[in-house]
PDB file of N, CA and C in Angstrom:
ATOM      1  N   UNK A   1     124.375  93.565  71.261  1.00  0.00           N
ATOM      2  CA  UNK A   1     123.182  93.239  71.775  1.00  0.00           C
ATOM      3  C   UNK A   1     122.060  94.673  71.411  1.00  0.00           C
ATOM      4  N   UNK A   2     120.872  93.958  71.467  1.00  0.00           N
ATOM      5  CA  UNK A   2     119.784  95.078  71.372  1.00  0.00           C
ATOM      6  C   UNK A   2     119.647  95.488  72.784  1.00  0.00           C
ATOM      7  N   UNK A   3     118.963  96.815  72.873  1.00  0.00           N
ATOM      8  CA  UNK A   3     118.342  97.452  74.298  1.00  0.00           C
ATOM      9  C   UNK A   3     117.449  96.448  74.951  1.00  0.00           C
ATOM     10  N   UNK A   4     116.779  96.001  73.954  1.00  0.00           N
ATOM     11  CA  UNK A   4     115.816  94.558  74.831  1.00  0.00           C
ATOM     12  C   UNK A   4     116.830  93.707  75.364  1.00  0.00           C
ATOM     13  N   UNK A   5     117.642  93.003  74.583  1.00  0.00           N
ATOM     14  CA  UNK A   5     118.366  92.138  75.314  1.00  0.00           C
ATOM     15  C   UNK A   5     118.940  92.321  76.393  1.00  0.00           C
ATOM     16  N   UNK A   6     119.949  93.686  76.260  1.00  0.00           N
ATOM     17  CA  UNK A   6     120.313  94.345  77.437  1.00  0.00           C
ATOM     18  C   UNK A   6     119.571  94.502  78.746  1.00  0.00           C
ATOM     19  N   UNK A   7     118.449  94.981  78.550  1.00  0.00           N
ATOM     20  CA  UNK A   7     117.670  95.017  79.661  1.00  0.00           C
ATOM     21  C   UNK A   7     117.488  93.847  80.403  1.00  0.00           C
ATOM     22  N   UNK A   8     117.083  92.823  79.405  1.00  0.00           N
ATOM     23  CA  UNK A   8     116.691  91.389  79.990  1.00  0.00           C
ATOM     24  C   UNK A   8     117.700  90.741  80.982  1.00  0.00           C
ATOM     25  N   UNK A   9     119.004  91.065  80.165  1.00  0.00           N
ATOM     26  CA  UNK A   9     120.413  90.813  80.843  1.00  0.00           C
ATOM     27  C   UNK A   9     120.465  91.262  82.340  1.00  0.00           C
ATOM     28  N   UNK A  10     120.455  92.524  82.328  1.00  0.00           N
ATOM     29  CA  UNK A  10     120.704  93.295  83.392  1.00  0.00           C
ATOM     30  C   UNK A  10     119.448  92.601  84.526  1.00  0.00           C
ATOM     31  N   UNK A  11     118.459  92.640  84.201  1.00  0.00           N
ATOM     32  CA  UNK A  11     117.024  92.564  84.716  1.00  0.00           C
ATOM     33  C   UNK A  11     117.494  90.835  85.484  1.00  0.00           C
ATOM     34  N   UNK A  12     117.772  89.917  84.782  1.00  0.00           N
ATOM     35  CA  UNK A  12     118.092  88.512  85.537  1.00  0.00           C
ATOM     36  C   UNK A  12     119.393  88.798  86.123  1.00  0.00           C
ATOM     37  N   UNK A  13     120.103  89.377  85.954  1.00  0.00           N
ATOM     38  CA  UNK A  13     121.520  89.331  86.879  1.00  0.00           C
ATOM     39  C   UNK A  13     120.817  90.056  87.895  1.00  0.00           C
ATOM     40  N   UNK A  14     120.039  91.177  88.367  1.00  0.00           N
ATOM     41  CA  UNK A  14     119.405  92.005  89.316  1.00  0.00           C
ATOM     42  C   UNK A  14     118.881  91.001  90.345  1.00  0.00           C
ATOM     43  N   UNK A  15     117.780  90.133  89.499  1.00  0.00           N
ATOM     44  CA  UNK A  15     117.068  89.062  89.714  1.00  0.00           C
ATOM     45  C   UNK A  15     117.827  88.119  90.756  1.00  0.00           C
ATOM     46  N   UNK A  16     118.878  87.552  90.241  1.00  0.00           N
ATOM     47  CA  UNK A  16     120.017  86.660  90.867  1.00  0.00           C
ATOM     48  C   UNK A  16     120.350  87.113  92.053  1.00  0.00           C
ATOM     49  N   UNK A  17     120.801  88.237  92.090  1.00  0.00           N
ATOM     50  CA  UNK A  17     121.778  89.191  93.133  1.00  0.00           C
ATOM     51  C   UNK A  17     120.270  88.952  94.235  1.00  0.00           C
ATOM     52  N   UNK A  18     119.345  89.555  94.059  1.00  0.00           N
ATOM     53  CA  UNK A  18     118.458  89.612  95.141  1.00  0.00           C
ATOM     54  C   UNK A  18     117.823  88.566  95.812  1.00  0.00           C
ATOM     55  N   UNK A  19     117.787  87.366  94.694  1.00  0.00           N
ATOM     56  CA  UNK A  19     117.145  86.087  95.491  1.00  0.00           C
ATOM     57  C   UNK A  19     118.187  85.381  96.261  1.00  0.00           C
ATOM     58  N   UNK A  20     119.620  85.740  95.879  1.00  0.00           N
ATOM     59  CA  UNK A  20     120.730  84.899  96.290  1.00  0.00           C
ATOM     60  C   UNK A  20     120.954  85.307  97.816  1.00  0.00           C
ATOM     61  N   UNK A  21     120.375  86.233  98.663  1.00  0.00           N
ATOM     62  CA  UNK A  21     120.409  86.589  99.978  1.00  0.00           C
ATOM     63  C   UNK A  21     121.832  87.068 100.413  1.00  0.00           C
ATOM     64  N   UNK A  22     122.688  87.360  99.690  1.00  0.00           N
ATOM     65  CA  UNK A  22     123.792  87.894  99.811  1.00  0.00           C
ATOM     66  C   UNK A  22     123.674  89.588  99.634  1.00  0.00           C
ATOM     67  N   UNK A  23     124.649  90.203 100.152  1.00  0.00           N
ATOM     68  CA  UNK A  23     124.613  91.748  99.781  1.00  0.00           C
ATOM     69  C   UNK A  23     124.770  92.022  98.630  1.00  0.00           C
ATOM     70  N   UNK A  24     124.413  93.032  97.829  1.00  0.00           N
ATOM     71  CA  UNK A  24     124.774  93.537  96.296  1.00  0.00           C
ATOM     72  C   UNK A  24     126.469  93.718  96.127  1.00  0.00           C
ATOM     73  N   UNK A  25     126.844  93.946  97.290  1.00  0.00           N
ATOM     74  CA  UNK A  25     128.514  94.066  97.100  1.00  0.00           C
ATOM     75  C   UNK A  25     129.420  92.677  96.885  1.00  0.00           C
ATOM     76  N   UNK A  26     128.882  91.827  97.885  1.00  0.00           N
ATOM     77  CA  UNK A  26     129.235  90.314  98.079  1.00  0.00           C
ATOM     78  C   UNK A  26     128.822  89.781  96.963  1.00  0.00           C
ATOM     79  N   UNK A  27     127.599  90.014  96.202  1.00  0.00           N
ATOM     80  CA  UNK A  27     127.105  89.020  95.361  1.00  0.00           C
ATOM     81  C   UNK A  27     128.309  89.809  93.665  1.00  0.00           C
ATOM     82  N   UNK A  28     128.250  91.175  93.487  1.00  0.00           N
ATOM     83  CA  UNK A  28     128.560  91.583  92.640  1.00  0.00           C
ATOM     84  C   UNK A  28     130.147  91.101  92.477  1.00  0.00           C
ATOM     85  N   UNK A  29     131.000  90.728  93.915  1.00  0.00           N
ATOM     86  CA  UNK A  29     132.607  90.771  94.140  1.00  0.00           C
ATOM     87  C   UNK A  29     132.694  88.897  93.432  1.00  0.00           C
ATOM     88  N   UNK A  30     131.489  88.074  93.853  1.00  0.00           N
ATOM     89  CA  UNK A  30     131.515  86.955  93.623  1.00  0.00           C
ATOM     90  C   UNK A  30     131.498  86.487  92.169  1.00  0.00           C
ATOM     91  N   UNK A  31     130.543  87.416  91.507  1.00  0.00           N
ATOM     92  CA  UNK A  31     130.112  87.117  90.119  1.00  0.00           C
ATOM     93  C   UNK A  31     131.071  87.857  89.057  1.00  0.00           C
ATOM     94  N   UNK A  32     131.866  88.955  89.834  1.00  0.00           N
ATOM     95  CA  UNK A  32     132.969  89.700  88.653  1.00  0.00           C
ATOM     96  C   UNK A  32     132.171  90.884  88.121  1.00  0.00           C
ATOM     97  N   UNK A  33     131.619  91.846  88.669  1.00  0.00           N
ATOM     98  CA  UNK A  33     130.251  92.226  88.149  1.00  0.00           C
ATOM     99  C   UNK A  33     130.982  94.013  89.217  1.00  0.00           C
ATOM    100  N   UNK A  34     131.344  94.641  88.200  1.00  0.00           N
ATOM    101  CA  UNK A  34     131.414  96.174  89.239  1.00  0.00           C
ATOM    102  C   UNK A  34     130.083  96.811  89.722  1.00  0.00           C
ATOM    103  N   UNK A  35     130.366  97.137  91.034  1.00  0.00           N
ATOM    104  CA  UNK A  35     129.424  97.256  92.165  1.00  0.00           C
ATOM    105  C   UNK A  35     128.507  98.530  91.173  1.00  0.00           C
ATOM    106  N   UNK A  36     129.436  99.417  90.636  1.00  0.00           N
ATOM    107  CA  UNK A  36     128.713 100.797  89.811  1.00  0.00           C
ATOM    108  C   UNK A  36     128.104 100.797  88.913  1.00  0.00           C
ATOM    109  N   UNK A  37     128.292  99.511  87.811  1.00  0.00           N
ATOM    110  CA  UNK A  37     127.680  99.053  87.053  1.00  0.00           C
ATOM    111  C   UNK A  37     126.247  98.520  86.978  1.00  0.00           C
ATOM    112  N   UNK A  38     126.386  97.571  88.325  1.00  0.00           N
ATOM    113  CA  UNK A  38     125.382  96.973  88.727  1.00  0.00           C
ATOM    114  C   UNK A  38     124.160  98.102  89.260  1.00  0.00           C
ATOM    115  N   UNK A  39     124.637  98.916  89.972  1.00  0.00           N
ATOM    116  CA  UNK A  39     123.770 100.005  90.523  1.00  0.00           C
ATOM    117  C   UNK A  39     123.267 100.859  89.583  1.00  0.00           C
ATOM    118  N   UNK A  40     124.189 101.348  88.793  1.00  0.00           N
ATOM    119  CA  UNK A  40     123.477 101.953  87.443  1.00  0.00           C
ATOM    120  C   UNK A  40     122.676 101.351  86.456  1.00  0.00           C
ATOM    121  N   UNK A  41     122.682 100.445  86.608  1.00  0.00           N
ATOM    122  CA  UNK A  41     121.670  99.437  85.622  1.00  0.00           C
ATOM    123  C   UNK A  41     120.338  99.227  86.625  1.00  0.00           C
ATOM    124  N   UNK A  42     120.688  99.133  88.019  1.00  0.00           N
ATOM    125  CA  UNK A  42     119.309  99.525  89.138  1.00  0.00           C
ATOM    126  C   UNK A  42     118.817 100.412  88.360  1.00  0.00           C
ATOM    127  N   UNK A  43     119.357 101.825  88.749  1.00  0.00           N
ATOM    128  CA  UNK A  43     118.846 102.774  88.533  1.00  0.00           C
ATOM    129  C   UNK A  43     118.428 103.200  87.107  1.00  0.00           C
ATOM    130  N   UNK A  44     118.848 102.618  86.164  1.00  0.00           N
ATOM    131  CA  UNK A  44     118.236 102.803  84.667  1.00  0.00           C
ATOM    132  C   UNK A  44     117.130 101.890  84.671  1.00  0.00           C
ATOM    133  N   UNK A  45     117.045 100.487  84.868  1.00  0.00           N
ATOM    134  CA  UNK A  45     115.910  99.697  84.680  1.00  0.00           C
ATOM    135  C   UNK A  45     114.512 100.234  85.766  1.00  0.00           C
ATOM    136  N   UNK A  46     114.677 101.121  86.774  1.00  0.00           N
ATOM    137  CA  UNK A  46     113.773 101.494  87.731  1.00  0.00           C
ATOM    138  C   UNK A  46     113.338 102.612  86.994  1.00  0.00           C
ATOM    139  N   UNK A  47     114.023 103.496  86.722  1.00  0.00           N
ATOM    140  CA  UNK A  47     113.619 104.967  86.081  1.00  0.00           C
ATOM    141  C   UNK A  47     112.685 104.210  84.622  1.00  0.00           C
ATOM    142  N   UNK A  48     113.161 103.250  83.789  1.00  0.00           N
ATOM    143  CA  UNK A  48     112.342 103.158  82.671  1.00  0.00           C
ATOM    144  C   UNK A  48     111.081 102.685  83.037  1.00  0.00           C
ATOM    145  N   UNK A  49     111.124 101.616  83.798  1.00  0.00           N
ATOM    146  CA  UNK A  49     109.840 101.150  84.388  1.00  0.00           C
ATOM    147  C   UNK A  49     108.977 102.366  84.858  1.00  0.00           C
ATOM    148  N   UNK A  50     109.343 103.258  85.106  1.00  0.00           N
ATOM    149  CA  UNK A  50     108.385 104.423  85.777  1.00  0.00           C
ATOM    150  C   UNK A  50     108.256 105.540  84.569  1.00  0.00           C
ATOM    151  N   UNK A  51     108.658 105.511  83.595  1.00  0.00           N
ATOM    152  CA  UNK A  51     108.601 106.255  82.345  1.00  0.00           C
ATOM    153  C   UNK A  51     107.207 105.594  81.688  1.00  0.00           C
ATOM    154  N   UNK A  52     106.408 106.216  81.066  1.00  0.00           N
ATOM    155  CA  UNK A  52     105.339 105.504  80.017  1.00  0.00           C
ATOM    156  C   UNK A  52     106.360 105.093  78.669  1.00  0.00           C
ATOM    157  N   UNK A  53     105.827 104.226  78.047  1.00  0.00           N
ATOM    158  CA  UNK A  53     106.486 103.935  76.918  1.00  0.00           C
ATOM    159  C   UNK A  53     105.865 105.062  75.658  1.00  0.00           C
ATOM    160  N   UNK A  54     106.788 105.864  75.137  1.00  0.00           N
ATOM    161  CA  UNK A  54     105.914 107.311  74.121  1.00  0.00           C
ATOM    162  C   UNK A  54     105.598 106.565  72.987  1.00  0.00           C
ATOM    163  N   UNK A  55     105.948 105.125  72.525  1.00  0.00           N
ATOM    164  CA  UNK A  55     105.638 104.496  71.177  1.00  0.00           C
ATOM    165  C   UNK A  55     104.299 103.854  71.371  1.00  0.00           C
ATOM    166  N   UNK A  56     103.890 103.444  72.741  1.00  0.00           N
ATOM    167  CA  UNK A  56     102.728 102.797  72.976  1.00  0.00           C
ATOM    168  C   UNK A  56     101.436 103.802  72.376  1.00  0.00           C
ATOM    169  N   UNK A  57     100.698 103.359  71.790  1.00  0.00           N
ATOM    170  CA  UNK A  57      99.365 103.924  71.352  1.00  0.00           C
ATOM    171  C   UNK A  57      98.064 103.562  71.846  1.00  0.00           C
ATOM    172  N   UNK A  58      97.214 104.447  72.187  1.00  0.00           N
ATOM    173  CA  UNK A  58      95.839 103.978  72.959  1.00  0.00           C
ATOM    174  C   UNK A  58      95.364 103.386  71.640  1.00  0.00           C
ATOM    175  N   UNK A  59      94.801 102.185  71.769  1.00  0.00           N
ATOM    176  CA  UNK A  59      94.270 101.471  71.036  1.00  0.00           C
ATOM    177  C   UNK A  59      92.757 101.675  70.534  1.00  0.00           C
ATOM    178  N   UNK A  60      91.880 102.188  71.876  1.00  0.00           N
ATOM    179  CA  UNK A  60      90.618 102.007  71.941  1.00  0.00           C
ATOM    180  C   UNK A  60      90.342 103.739  72.783  1.00  0.00           C
ATOM    181  N   UNK A  61      89.207 104.314  72.139  1.00  0.00           N
ATOM    182  CA  UNK A  61      89.078 105.508  72.591  1.00  0.00           C
ATOM    183  C   UNK A  61      87.775 105.457  73.556  1.00  0.00           C
ATOM    184  N   UNK A  62      88.604 106.088  74.556  1.00  0.00           N
ATOM    185  CA  UNK A  62      87.500 106.103  75.856  1.00  0.00           C
ATOM    186  C   UNK A  62      86.084 107.439  75.809  1.00  0.00           C
ATOM    187  N   UNK A  63      84.954 106.958  75.646  1.00  0.00           N
ATOM    188  CA  UNK A  63      84.069 108.303  75.848  1.00  0.00           C
ATOM    189  C   UNK A  63      83.513 108.242  77.057  1.00  0.00           C
ATOM    190  N   UNK A  64      83.166 109.632  77.349  1.00  0.00           N
ATOM    191  CA  UNK A  64      82.492 110.113  78.609  1.00  0.00           C
ATOM    192  C   UNK A  64      80.931 110.133  78.420  1.00  0.00           C
ATOM    193  N   UNK A  65      80.211 109.359  79.035  1.00  0.00           N
ATOM    194  CA  UNK A  65      78.885 109.768  78.683  1.00  0.00           C
ATOM    195  C   UNK A  65      78.288 110.168  79.962  1.00  0.00           C
ATOM    196  N   UNK A  66      77.505 111.319  79.772  1.00  0.00           N
ATOM    197  CA  UNK A  66      76.826 111.978  81.104  1.00  0.00           C
ATOM    198  C   UNK A  66      75.559 111.089  81.607  1.00  0.00           C
ATOM    199  N   UNK A  67      75.549 111.103  82.955  1.00  0.00           N
ATOM    200  CA  UNK A  67      74.398 110.117  83.528  1.00  0.00           C
ATOM    201  C   UNK A  67      73.745 111.434  84.554  1.00  0.00           C
ATOM    202  N   UNK A  68      72.368 111.605  83.909  1.00  0.00           N
ATOM    203  CA  UNK A  68      71.729 112.479  84.473  1.00  0.00           C
ATOM    204  C   UNK A  68      70.844 111.693  85.934  1.00  0.00           C
ATOM    205  N   UNK A  69      70.879 112.378  87.051  1.00  0.00           N
ATOM    206  CA  UNK A  69      70.238 111.969  88.157  1.00  0.00           C
ATOM    207  C   UNK A  69      69.284 112.794  88.973  1.00  0.00           C
ATOM    208  N   UNK A  70      68.350 112.522  89.697  1.00  0.00           N
ATOM    209  CA  UNK A  70      67.534 113.249  90.156  1.00  0.00           C
ATOM    210  C   UNK A  70      68.302 113.600  91.521  1.00  0.00           C
ATOM    211  N   UNK A  71      67.872 115.154  91.964  1.00  0.00           N
ATOM    212  CA  UNK A  71      68.464 115.390  93.204  1.00  0.00           C
ATOM    213  C   UNK A  71      67.833 114.437  94.425  1.00  0.00           C
ATOM    214  N   UNK A  72      68.526 114.516  95.441  1.00  0.00           N
ATOM    215  CA  UNK A  72      67.760 113.687  96.448  1.00  0.00           C
ATOM    216  C   UNK A  72      66.641 114.689  97.354  1.00  0.00           C
ATOM    217  N   UNK A  73      65.574 113.915  97.359  1.00  0.00           N
ATOM    218  CA  UNK A  73      64.504 114.666  98.418  1.00  0.00           C
ATOM    219  C   UNK A  73      65.151 114.910  99.537  1.00  0.00           C
ATOM    220  N   UNK A  74      64.968 115.797 100.059  1.00  0.00           N
ATOM    221  CA  UNK A  74      65.380 116.545 101.643  1.00  0.00           C
ATOM    222  C   UNK A  74      63.828 115.644 102.548  1.00  0.00           C
ATOM    223  N   UNK A  75      64.669 115.252 103.616  1.00  0.00           N
ATOM    224  CA  UNK A  75      63.296 114.514 104.580  1.00  0.00           C
ATOM    225  C   UNK A  75      63.979 115.161 106.025  1.00  0.00           C
ATOM    226  N   UNK A  76      62.989 115.252 106.832  1.00  0.00           N
ATOM    227  CA  UNK A  76      62.880 115.697 107.567  1.00  0.00           C
ATOM    228  C   UNK A  76      63.138 114.413 108.917  1.00  0.00           C
ATOM    229  N   UNK A  77      63.858 114.703 109.985  1.00  0.00           N
ATOM    230  CA  UNK A  77      64.213 113.777 110.869  1.00  0.00           C
ATOM    231  C   UNK A  77      63.079 113.172 111.661  1.00  0.00           C
ATOM    232  N   UNK A  78      63.065 111.606 111.612  1.00  0.00           N
ATOM    233  CA  UNK A  78      62.106 111.094 112.157  1.00  0.00           C
ATOM    234  C   UNK A  78      60.746 110.803 110.977  1.00  0.00           C
ATOM    235  N   UNK A  79      60.853 111.408 109.819  1.00  0.00           N
ATOM    236  CA  UNK A  79      59.578 111.248 108.854  1.00  0.00           C
ATOM    237  C   UNK A  79      60.270 110.147 107.809  1.00  0.00           C
ATOM    238  N   UNK A  80      59.485 109.358 107.663  1.00  0.00           N
ATOM    239  CA  UNK A  80      59.800 108.158 106.729  1.00  0.00           C
ATOM    240  C   UNK A  80      59.953 108.768 105.560  1.00  0.00           C
ATOM    241  N   UNK A  81      60.891 108.332 104.614  1.00  0.00           N
ATOM    242  CA  UNK A  81      60.885 108.613 103.338  1.00  0.00           C
ATOM    243  C   UNK A  81      60.305 107.795 102.307  1.00  0.00           C
ATOM    244  N   UNK A  82      58.986 108.639 101.411  1.00  0.00           N
ATOM    245  CA  UNK A  82      58.206 107.713 100.913  1.00  0.00           C
ATOM    246  C   UNK A  82      58.950 107.306  99.516  1.00  0.00           C
ATOM    247  N   UNK A  83      59.138 106.283  99.103  1.00  0.00           N
ATOM    248  CA  UNK A  83      59.644 105.552  98.162  1.00  0.00           C
ATOM    249  C   UNK A  83      58.861 105.344  96.666  1.00  0.00           C
ATOM    250  N   UNK A  84      58.788 106.231  95.814  1.00  0.00           N
ATOM    251  CA  UNK A  84      57.583 105.916  94.840  1.00  0.00           C
ATOM    252  C   UNK A  84      58.458 105.175  93.836  1.00  0.00           C
ATOM    253  N   UNK A  85      59.767 104.999  93.282  1.00  0.00           N
ATOM    254  CA  UNK A  85      60.370 104.600  92.756  1.00  0.00           C
ATOM    255  C   UNK A  85      61.349 103.179  93.483  1.00  0.00           C
ATOM    256  N   UNK A  86      60.914 102.010  93.124  1.00  0.00           N
ATOM    257  CA  UNK A  86      62.313 100.882  93.717  1.00  0.00           C
ATOM    258  C   UNK A  86      63.032 100.689  93.141  1.00  0.00           C
ATOM    259  N   UNK A  87      63.847 101.599  92.160  1.00  0.00           N
ATOM    260  CA  UNK A  87      65.255 101.501  91.563  1.00  0.00           C
ATOM    261  C   UNK A  87      66.046 102.223  92.732  1.00  0.00           C
ATOM    262  N   UNK A  88      67.064 101.673  92.667  1.00  0.00           N
ATOM    263  CA  UNK A  88      68.142 102.502  93.384  1.00  0.00           C
ATOM    264  C   UNK A  88      69.109 103.093  92.569  1.00  0.00           C
ATOM    265  N   UNK A  89      69.211 102.774  91.467  1.00  0.00           N
ATOM    266  CA  UNK A  89      69.918 103.432  90.118  1.00  0.00           C
ATOM    267  C   UNK A  89      68.806 103.271  89.141  1.00  0.00           C
ATOM    268  N   UNK A  90      69.098 104.192  88.420  1.00  0.00           N
ATOM    269  CA  UNK A  90      68.454 104.484  87.353  1.00  0.00           C
ATOM    270  C   UNK A  90      69.221 105.394  85.779  1.00  0.00           C
ATOM    271  N   UNK A  91      69.758 104.551  84.901  1.00  0.00           N
ATOM    272  CA  UNK A  91      70.297 105.295  83.832  1.00  0.00           C
ATOM    273  C   UNK A  91      69.471 105.590  82.657  1.00  0.00           C
ATOM    274  N   UNK A  92      69.662 106.932  81.700  1.00  0.00           N
ATOM    275  CA  UNK A  92      68.986 107.038  80.987  1.00  0.00           C
ATOM    276  C   UNK A  92      70.096 107.437  79.757  1.00  0.00           C
ATOM    277  N   UNK A  93      69.765 106.785  78.504  1.00  0.00           N
ATOM    278  CA  UNK A  93      70.820 107.000  77.400  1.00  0.00           C
ATOM    279  C   UNK A  93      70.291 106.831  76.056  1.00  0.00           C
ATOM    280  N   UNK A  94      70.066 108.082  75.634  1.00  0.00           N
ATOM    281  CA  UNK A  94      69.406 107.853  73.910  1.00  0.00           C
ATOM    282  C   UNK A  94      68.003 107.271  74.033  1.00  0.00           C
ATOM    283  N   UNK A  95      67.298 107.903  75.201  1.00  0.00           N
ATOM    284  CA  UNK A  95      66.261 107.375  75.096  1.00  0.00           C
ATOM    285  C   UNK A  95      65.717 105.996  75.840  1.00  0.00           C
ATOM    286  N   UNK A  96      66.570 105.386  76.022  1.00  0.00           N
ATOM    287  CA  UNK A  96      66.885 103.901  76.706  1.00  0.00           C
ATOM    288  C   UNK A  96      66.724 104.319  78.153  1.00  0.00           C
ATOM    289  N   UNK A  97      65.921 103.869  78.864  1.00  0.00           N
ATOM    290  CA  UNK A  97      66.046 103.715  80.646  1.00  0.00           C
ATOM    291  C   UNK A  97      66.326 102.532  81.132  1.00  0.00           C
ATOM    292  N   UNK A  98      67.238 102.457  82.366  1.00  0.00           N
ATOM    293  CA  UNK A  98      67.429 101.106  82.733  1.00  0.00           C
ATOM    294  C   UNK A  98      67.592 101.500  84.435  1.00  0.00           C
ATOM    295  N   UNK A  99      66.800 100.694  84.864  1.00  0.00           N
ATOM    296  CA  UNK A  99      66.907 100.981  86.518  1.00  0.00           C
ATOM    297  C   UNK A  99      67.005  99.388  87.078  1.00  0.00           C
ATOM    298  N   UNK A 100      68.060  99.579  88.097  1.00  0.00           N
ATOM    299  CA  UNK A 100      68.570  98.630  88.684  1.00  0.00           C
ATOM    300  C   UNK A 100      67.990  98.603  90.351  1.00  0.00           C
ATOM    301  N   UNK A 101      67.549  97.803  90.687  1.00  0.00           N
ATOM    302  CA  UNK A 101      66.859  97.664  92.135  1.00  0.00           C
ATOM    303  C   UNK A 101      68.094  97.246  92.880  1.00  0.00           C
ATOM    304  N   UNK A 102      67.963  97.327  94.207  1.00  0.00           N
ATOM    305  CA  UNK A 102      68.896  97.244  95.596  1.00  0.00           C
ATOM    306  C   UNK A 102      69.144  95.655  95.381  1.00  0.00           C
ATOM    307  N   UNK A 103      68.063  95.073  95.005  1.00  0.00           N
ATOM    308  CA  UNK A 103      68.204  93.053  95.346  1.00  0.00           C
ATOM    309  C   UNK A 103      68.349  92.697  93.792  1.00  0.00           C
ATOM    310  N   UNK A 104      68.976  93.553  92.701  1.00  0.00           N
ATOM    311  CA  UNK A 104      69.143  92.865  91.306  1.00  0.00           C
ATOM    312  C   UNK A 104      70.528  91.660  91.635  1.00  0.00           C
ATOM    313  N   UNK A 105      70.285  90.778  91.091  1.00  0.00           N
ATOM    314  CA  UNK A 105      71.622  89.884  90.962  1.00  0.00           C
ATOM    315  C   UNK A 105      72.503  90.525  90.052  1.00  0.00           C
ATOM    316  N   UNK A 106      73.843  90.360  90.710  1.00  0.00           N
ATOM    317  CA  UNK A 106      75.187  90.822  89.980  1.00  0.00           C
ATOM    318  C   UNK A 106      75.379  90.195  88.350  1.00  0.00           C
ATOM    319  N   UNK A 107      74.731  88.926  88.282  1.00  0.00           N
ATOM    320  CA  UNK A 107      75.219  88.771  86.957  1.00  0.00           C
ATOM    321  C   UNK A 107      74.090  89.204  86.387  1.00  0.00           C
ATOM    322  N   UNK A 108      72.921  89.427  86.555  1.00  0.00           N
ATOM    323  CA  UNK A 108      71.972  90.124  85.502  1.00  0.00           C
ATOM    324  C   UNK A 108      72.565  91.820  85.418  1.00  0.00           C
ATOM    325  N   UNK A 109      73.213  92.357  86.349  1.00  0.00           N
ATOM    326  CA  UNK A 109      73.328  93.659  85.872  1.00  0.00           C
ATOM    327  C   UNK A 109      74.545  93.636  85.021  1.00  0.00           C
ATOM    328  N   UNK A 110      75.396  92.640  85.145  1.00  0.00           N
ATOM    329  CA  UNK A 110      76.710  92.402  84.591  1.00  0.00           C
ATOM    330  C   UNK A 110      76.454  92.255  82.886  1.00  0.00           C
ATOM    331  N   UNK A 111      75.347  91.425  82.666  1.00  0.00           N
ATOM    332  CA  UNK A 111      75.036  90.949  81.608  1.00  0.00           C
ATOM    333  C   UNK A 111      74.190  92.188  80.639  1.00  0.00           C
ATOM    334  N   UNK A 112      73.248  92.979  81.462  1.00  0.00           N
ATOM    335  CA  UNK A 112      72.892  94.051  81.034  1.00  0.00           C
ATOM    336  C   UNK A 112      73.629  95.217  80.820  1.00  0.00           C
ATOM    337  N   UNK A 113      74.678  95.417  81.462  1.00  0.00           N
ATOM    338  CA  UNK A 113      75.389  96.616  81.062  1.00  0.00           C
ATOM    339  C   UNK A 113      76.433  95.972  79.919  1.00  0.00           C
ATOM    340  N   UNK A 114      76.867  94.802  79.924  1.00  0.00           N
ATOM    341  CA  UNK A 114      77.547  94.383  78.456  1.00  0.00           C
ATOM    342  C   UNK A 114      76.770  94.507  77.290  1.00  0.00           C
ATOM    343  N   UNK A 115      75.640  94.133  77.421  1.00  0.00           N
ATOM    344  CA  UNK A 115      74.600  94.257  76.329  1.00  0.00           C
ATOM    345  C   UNK A 115      74.604  95.670  75.653  1.00  0.00           C
ATOM    346  N   UNK A 116      74.060  96.487  76.808  1.00  0.00           N
ATOM    347  CA  UNK A 116      74.291  97.920  76.314  1.00  0.00           C
ATOM    348  C   UNK A 116      75.413  98.695  75.918  1.00  0.00           C
ATOM    349  N   UNK A 117      76.868  98.166  76.559  1.00  0.00           N
ATOM    350  CA  UNK A 117      77.768  98.697  75.883  1.00  0.00           C
ATOM    351  C   UNK A 117      77.813  98.029  74.557  1.00  0.00           C
ATOM    352  N   UNK A 118      77.509  97.557  74.006  1.00  0.00           N
ATOM    353  CA  UNK A 118      77.883  96.485  72.579  1.00  0.00           C
ATOM    354  C   UNK A 118      76.867  97.511  71.636  1.00  0.00           C
ATOM    355  N   UNK A 119      75.524  97.909  72.363  1.00  0.00           N
ATOM    356  CA  UNK A 119      74.582  98.803  71.297  1.00  0.00           C
ATOM    357  C   UNK A 119      75.105 100.195  71.541  1.00  0.00           C
ATOM    358  N   UNK A 120      75.546 100.885  72.594  1.00  0.00           N
ATOM    359  CA  UNK A 120      76.276 102.218  72.700  1.00  0.00           C
ATOM    360  C   UNK A 120      77.742 102.326  72.185  1.00  0.00           C
TER     361      UNK A 120
END
């Protein structure tokens, strides 16, 4: 039995036990399974699930892109802030400027970001 088959075998047994409504001890007694083997495999599979696979490789490199932003202008209490730019978000990358207003449609934003992702 391969390691993967052994893992699947014990995972199936553990799931059968847990959905049976019986205690682990009673279920193991009824099915002729050593309670110590049962708990050993529960612990082994939980530990395995928490440890990342060392063989797994990252297939895609993620890059960090700096986003430059203007500092917020200080306003005095009671003084309305002048809004010279209606854009809520302004992105600039390689000379390309993208401005998004508060009332922009989500589908348009998604399509624009997808197009930019393909260009960059």
